[in-house]
C-alpha atoms as a PDB file:
ATOM      1  CA  MET A   1       7.937-100.225 -38.485  1.00  0.00           C
ATOM      2  CA  ALA A   2      10.081 -98.646 -35.782  1.00  0.00           C
ATOM      3  CA  LEU A   3      12.413 -95.812 -36.644  1.00  0.00           C
ATOM      4  CA  ALA A   4      15.757 -95.525 -34.909  1.00  0.00           C
ATOM      5  CA  LEU A   5      15.606 -91.977 -33.609  1.00  0.00           C
ATOM      6  CA  VAL A   6      18.449 -90.348 -31.779  1.00  0.00           C
ATOM      7  CA  VAL A   7      17.546 -87.442 -29.522  1.00  0.00           C
ATOM      8  CA  ALA A   8      19.850 -84.492 -29.974  1.00  0.00           C
ATOM      9  CA  ALA A   9      22.003 -83.672 -26.998  1.00  0.00           C
ATOM     10  CA  CYS A  10      21.857 -79.900 -27.448  1.00  0.00           C
ATOM     11  CA  GLY A  11      19.783 -78.244 -24.762  1.00  0.00           C
ATOM     12  CA  GLY A  12      18.287 -81.579 -23.766  1.00  0.00           C
ATOM     13  CA  GLY A  13      17.571 -82.467 -27.422  1.00  0.00           C
ATOM     14  CA  GLY A  14      13.878 -82.457 -27.831  1.00  0.00           C
ATOM     15  CA  GLY A  15      12.268 -80.920 -24.779  1.00  0.00           C
ATOM     16  CA  GLY A  16      13.156 -77.246 -25.175  1.00  0.00           C
ATOM     17  CA  ALA A  17      16.014 -77.522 -27.682  1.00  0.00           C
ATOM     18  CA  THR A  18      15.845 -75.171 -30.645  1.00  0.00           C
ATOM     19  CA  LEU A  19      17.751 -74.813 -33.872  1.00  0.00           C
ATOM     20  CA  PRO A  20      20.788 -72.564 -33.634  1.00  0.00           C
ATOM     21  CA  GLU A  21      20.362 -68.862 -34.315  1.00  0.00           C
ATOM     22  CA  VAL A  22      22.130 -68.822 -37.661  1.00  0.00           C
ATOM     23  CA  THR A  23      21.225 -67.359 -41.001  1.00  0.00           C
ATOM     24  CA  LEU A  24      22.068 -69.661 -43.894  1.00  0.00           C
ATOM     25  CA  ASP A  25      22.339 -68.668 -47.530  1.00  0.00           C
ATOM     26  CA  ARG A  26      20.079 -70.357 -50.046  1.00  0.00           C
ATOM     27  CA  LEU A  27      22.096 -72.462 -52.452  1.00  0.00           C
ATOM     28  CA  ASP A  28      20.240 -70.951 -55.426  1.00  0.00           C
ATOM     29  CA  GLY A  29      21.330 -67.436 -54.400  1.00  0.00           C
ATOM     30  CA  SER A  30      17.781 -66.239 -53.714  1.00  0.00           C
ATOM     31  CA  GLY A  31      18.464 -64.942 -50.208  1.00  0.00           C
ATOM     32  CA  SER A  32      18.857 -66.522 -46.817  1.00  0.00           C
ATOM     33  CA  VAL A  33      16.890 -68.286 -44.081  1.00  0.00           C
ATOM     34  CA  ASP A  34      17.023 -67.583 -40.350  1.00  0.00           C
ATOM     35  CA  LEU A  35      16.942 -71.169 -39.198  1.00  0.00           C
ATOM     36  CA  ALA A  36      15.774 -70.497 -35.631  1.00  0.00           C
ATOM     37  CA  GLU A  37      12.915 -68.183 -36.633  1.00  0.00           C
ATOM     38  CA  PRO A  38       9.693 -70.130 -35.976  1.00  0.00           C
ATOM     39  CA  ASP A  39       6.764 -69.206 -38.197  1.00  0.00           C
ATOM     40  CA  GLY A  40       4.226 -71.718 -36.972  1.00  0.00           C
ATOM     41  CA  THR A  41       5.025 -74.239 -39.707  1.00  0.00           C
ATOM     42  CA  PRO A  42       6.763 -77.469 -38.685  1.00  0.00           C
ATOM     43  CA  ARG A  43      10.180 -77.962 -40.294  1.00  0.00           C
ATOM     44  CA  VAL A  44      12.254 -80.918 -41.342  1.00  0.00           C
ATOM     45  CA  VAL A  45      15.934 -80.009 -41.630  1.00  0.00           C
ATOM     46  CA  ASN A  46      18.032 -82.575 -43.488  1.00  0.00           C
ATOM     47  CA  LEU A  47      21.807 -82.276 -43.046  1.00  0.00           C
ATOM     48  CA  TRP A  48      23.829 -83.674 -45.942  1.00  0.00           C
ATOM     49  CA  ALA A  49      27.214 -83.499 -47.672  1.00  0.00           C
ATOM     50  CA  THR A  50      28.352 -84.286 -51.205  1.00  0.00           C
ATOM     51  CA  TRP A  51      30.837 -86.944 -50.028  1.00  0.00           C
ATOM     52  CA  CYS A  52      28.122 -88.853 -48.126  1.00  0.00           C
ATOM     53  CA  VAL A  53      26.815 -91.808 -50.165  1.00  0.00           C
ATOM     54  CA  PRO A  54      23.718 -92.383 -47.953  1.00  0.00           C
ATOM     55  CA  CYS A  55      22.918 -88.672 -48.316  1.00  0.00           C
ATOM     56  CA  ARG A  56      22.949 -88.994 -52.090  1.00  0.00           C
ATOM     57  CA  ARG A  57      20.571 -91.957 -51.873  1.00  0.00           C
ATOM     58  CA  GLU A  58      18.055 -90.276 -49.547  1.00  0.00           C
ATOM     59  CA  LEU A  59      17.860 -86.777 -51.053  1.00  0.00           C
ATOM     60  CA  PRO A  60      15.399 -87.788 -53.814  1.00  0.00           C
ATOM     61  CA  ALA A  61      13.063 -89.180 -51.120  1.00  0.00           C
ATOM     62  CA  PHE A  62      13.137 -85.816 -49.320  1.00  0.00           C
ATOM     63  CA  ASP A  63      12.346 -84.089 -52.605  1.00  0.00           C
ATOM     64  CA  GLU A  64       9.371 -86.408 -53.153  1.00  0.00           C
ATOM     65  CA  VAL A  65       7.988 -85.856 -49.645  1.00  0.00           C
ATOM     66  CA  ALA A  66       8.596 -82.085 -49.811  1.00  0.00           C
ATOM     67  CA  ALA A  67       6.498 -81.884 -52.987  1.00  0.00           C
ATOM     68  CA  ALA A  68       3.679 -83.856 -51.347  1.00  0.00           C
ATOM     69  CA  ALA A  69       3.839 -81.880 -48.076  1.00  0.00           C
ATOM     70  CA  GLY A  70       3.020 -78.563 -49.716  1.00  0.00           C
ATOM     71  CA  ASP A  71       2.662 -75.814 -47.093  1.00  0.00           C
ATOM     72  CA  GLU A  72       1.955 -78.227 -44.220  1.00  0.00           C
ATOM     73  CA  VAL A  73       5.637 -78.918 -43.481  1.00  0.00           C
ATOM     74  CA  GLU A  74       8.690 -76.979 -44.625  1.00  0.00           C
ATOM     75  CA  ILE A  75      11.450 -79.357 -45.701  1.00  0.00           C
ATOM     76  CA  LEU A  76      14.916 -77.845 -45.967  1.00  0.00           C
ATOM     77  CA  GLY A  77      18.142 -79.417 -47.119  1.00  0.00           C
ATOM     78  CA  VAL A  78      21.268 -78.117 -45.421  1.00  0.00           C
ATOM     79  CA  ASN A  79      24.554 -78.843 -47.115  1.00  0.00           C
ATOM     80  CA  VAL A  80      27.294 -79.076 -44.517  1.00  0.00           C
ATOM     81  CA  GLY A  81      30.833 -78.011 -45.268  1.00  0.00           C
ATOM     82  CA  ASP A  82      30.844 -78.108 -49.070  1.00  0.00           C
ATOM     83  CA  GLY A  83      31.323 -75.116 -51.324  1.00  0.00           C
ATOM     84  CA  PRO A  84      28.366 -73.807 -53.314  1.00  0.00           C
ATOM     85  CA  ASP A  85      29.664 -75.214 -56.612  1.00  0.00           C
ATOM     86  CA  ALA A  86      29.992 -78.786 -55.344  1.00  0.00           C
ATOM     87  CA  ALA A  87      26.638 -78.642 -53.549  1.00  0.00           C
ATOM     88  CA  SER A  88      24.884 -77.128 -56.590  1.00  0.00           C
ATOM     89  CA  GLU A  89      26.349 -79.778 -58.848  1.00  0.00           C
ATOM     90  CA  LEU A  90      24.840 -82.581 -56.745  1.00  0.00           C
ATOM     91  CA  VAL A  91      21.477 -80.785 -56.428  1.00  0.00           C
ATOM     92  CA  ASP A  92      21.370 -80.402 -60.204  1.00  0.00           C
ATOM     93  CA  GLU A  93      22.493 -83.995 -60.808  1.00  0.00           C
ATOM     94  CA  LEU A  94      19.674 -85.306 -58.593  1.00  0.00           C
ATOM     95  CA  GLY A  95      17.097 -82.808 -59.909  1.00  0.00           C
ATOM     96  CA  LEU A  96      16.192 -81.604 -56.413  1.00  0.00           C
ATOM     97  CA  THR A  97      13.543 -78.904 -56.144  1.00  0.00           C
ATOM     98  CA  PHE A  98      13.128 -78.463 -52.378  1.00  0.00           C
ATOM     99  CA  PRO A  99      15.002 -75.540 -50.756  1.00  0.00           C
ATOM    100  CA  GLN A 100      18.703 -76.046 -50.133  1.00  0.00           C
ATOM    101  CA  LEU A 101      20.824 -74.030 -47.705  1.00  0.00           C
ATOM    102  CA  LEU A 102      24.575 -73.802 -47.179  1.00  0.00           C
ATOM    103  CA  ASP A 103      26.137 -74.355 -43.753  1.00  0.00           C
ATOM    104  CA  ARG A 104      29.763 -73.785 -44.723  1.00  0.00           C
ATOM    105  CA  ASP A 105      30.999 -73.732 -41.118  1.00  0.00           C
ATOM    106  CA  ALA A 106      28.885 -76.690 -39.893  1.00  0.00           C
ATOM    107  CA  GLU A 107      27.169 -74.509 -37.279  1.00  0.00           C
ATOM    108  CA  VAL A 108      23.923 -76.483 -37.386  1.00  0.00           C
ATOM    109  CA  THR A 109      25.743 -79.807 -37.120  1.00  0.00           C
ATOM    110  CA  ALA A 110      27.728 -78.561 -34.127  1.00  0.00           C
ATOM    111  CA  ALA A 111      24.685 -77.095 -32.372  1.00  0.00           C
ATOM    112  CA  LEU A 112      22.704 -80.329 -32.775  1.00  0.00           C
ATOM    113  CA  GLU A 113      25.786 -82.382 -31.854  1.00  0.00           C
ATOM    114  CA  VAL A 114      25.330 -84.448 -34.985  1.00  0.00           C
ATOM    115  CA  THR A 115      28.066 -87.001 -35.582  1.00  0.00           C
ATOM    116  CA  ASN A 116      26.566 -88.958 -38.499  1.00  0.00           C
ATOM    117  CA  MET A 117      25.614 -87.960 -42.004  1.00  0.00           C
ATOM    118  CA  PRO A 118      22.911 -87.758 -43.034  1.00  0.00           C
ATOM    119  CA  SER A 119      20.951 -86.533 -40.022  1.00  0.00           C
ATOM    120  CA  THR A 120      17.505 -84.986 -39.924  1.00  0.00           C
ATOM    121  CA  ALA A 121      15.972 -82.663 -37.327  1.00  0.00           C
ATOM    122  CA  PHE A 122      12.205 -82.565 -36.854  1.00  0.00           C
ATOM    123  CA  VAL A 123      11.166 -79.139 -35.561  1.00  0.00           C
ATOM    124  CA  ASP A 124       7.668 -78.175 -34.435  1.00  0.00           C
ATOM    125  CA  GLY A 125       5.921 -74.927 -35.388  1.00  0.00           C
ATOM    126  CA  ASP A 126       7.241 -73.210 -32.255  1.00  0.00           C
ATOM    127  CA  GLY A 127      10.831 -73.913 -33.286  1.00  0.00           C
ATOM    128  CA  GLU A 128      11.438 -76.717 -30.781  1.00  0.00           C
ATOM    129  CA  VAL A 129      13.544 -79.652 -31.950  1.00  0.00           C
ATOM    130  CA  VAL A 130      11.360 -82.693 -31.330  1.00  0.00           C
ATOM    131  CA  GLU A 131      13.774 -85.357 -32.580  1.00  0.00           C
ATOM    132  CA  VAL A 132      16.992 -85.782 -34.526  1.00  0.00           C
ATOM    133  CA  HIS A 133      17.301 -88.890 -36.661  1.00  0.00           C
ATOM    134  CA  ALA A 134      20.789 -90.165 -37.464  1.00  0.00           C
ATOM    135  CA  GLY A 135      21.037 -92.050 -40.750  1.00  0.00           C
ATOM    136  CA  ALA A 136      19.269 -92.192 -44.073  1.00  0.00           C
ATOM    137  CA  LEU A 137      15.486 -92.230 -44.459  1.00  0.00           C
ATOM    138  CA  ASP A 138      13.426 -93.418 -47.388  1.00  0.00           C
ATOM    139  CA  ALA A 139      10.170 -91.652 -48.325  1.00  0.00           C
ATOM    140  CA  GLU A 140       7.972 -93.999 -46.275  1.00  0.00           C
ATOM    141  CA  GLU A 141      10.155 -93.631 -43.174  1.00  0.00           C
ATOM    142  CA  LEU A 142      10.251 -89.849 -43.594  1.00  0.00           C
ATOM    143  CA  ARG A 143       6.448 -89.661 -43.853  1.00  0.00           C
ATOM    144  CA  ALA A 144       6.120 -91.844 -40.746  1.00  0.00           C
ATOM    145  CA  ALA A 145       8.556 -89.664 -38.784  1.00  0.00           C
ATOM    146  CA  ILE A 146       6.751 -86.470 -39.831  1.00  0.00           C
ATOM    147  CA  ALA A 147       3.439 -87.977 -38.695  1.00  0.00           C
ATOM    148  CA  GLU A 148       4.863 -89.222 -35.392  1.00  0.00           C
ATOM    149  CA  ASP A 149       7.056 -86.252 -34.496  1.00  0.00           C
ATOM    150  CA  LEU A 150       5.137 -83.343 -36.031  1.00  0.00           C
ATOM    151  CA  GLY A 151       1.578 -84.661 -36.213  1.00  0.00           C
ATOM    152  CA  VAL A 152       1.275 -84.018 -39.949  1.00  0.00           C
ATOM    153  CA  GLU A 153       0.170 -86.676 -42.405  1.00  0.00           C
ATOM    154  CA  VAL A 154       1.963 -86.299 -45.730  1.00  0.00           C
ATOM    155  CA  PRO A 155       0.258 -88.204 -48.557  1.00  0.00           C
ATOM    156  CA  ALA A 156       2.252 -90.605 -50.684  1.00  0.00           C
ATOM    157  CA  GLY A 157       3.518 -88.928 -53.851  1.00  0.00           C
END
């Protein structure tokens, strides 16, 4: 199965592009995350909004894959443009357990030149954006993209 991957335009999108140097608050209030700080662990950064129907459909798949990935891949949800109450309400409604961040000013979306929601950035352990996928992913497609882009096999949940 082929995935429709769109390479981000920022900094050449892929070869040499990195996530923006922003610190985003955790939705649960437990601190913040410096998005551009590589720690050697590959990251999947899923950009979503409460008004986005495809986002609502795919978020449970990201939760499933995040649970199966363990410490091999860090999967982060990034709510774009919503307030913490609206974002928290959806996270609670869907029963999501993977980390959620707030990007109130859409800095990540702007830096990656994302025009569609949802969009997902695949970032290697050195902090380089390998690919940006525009559109929803199911669990099987997400696992395949992680394997292809990050070289990590995530077992089926």
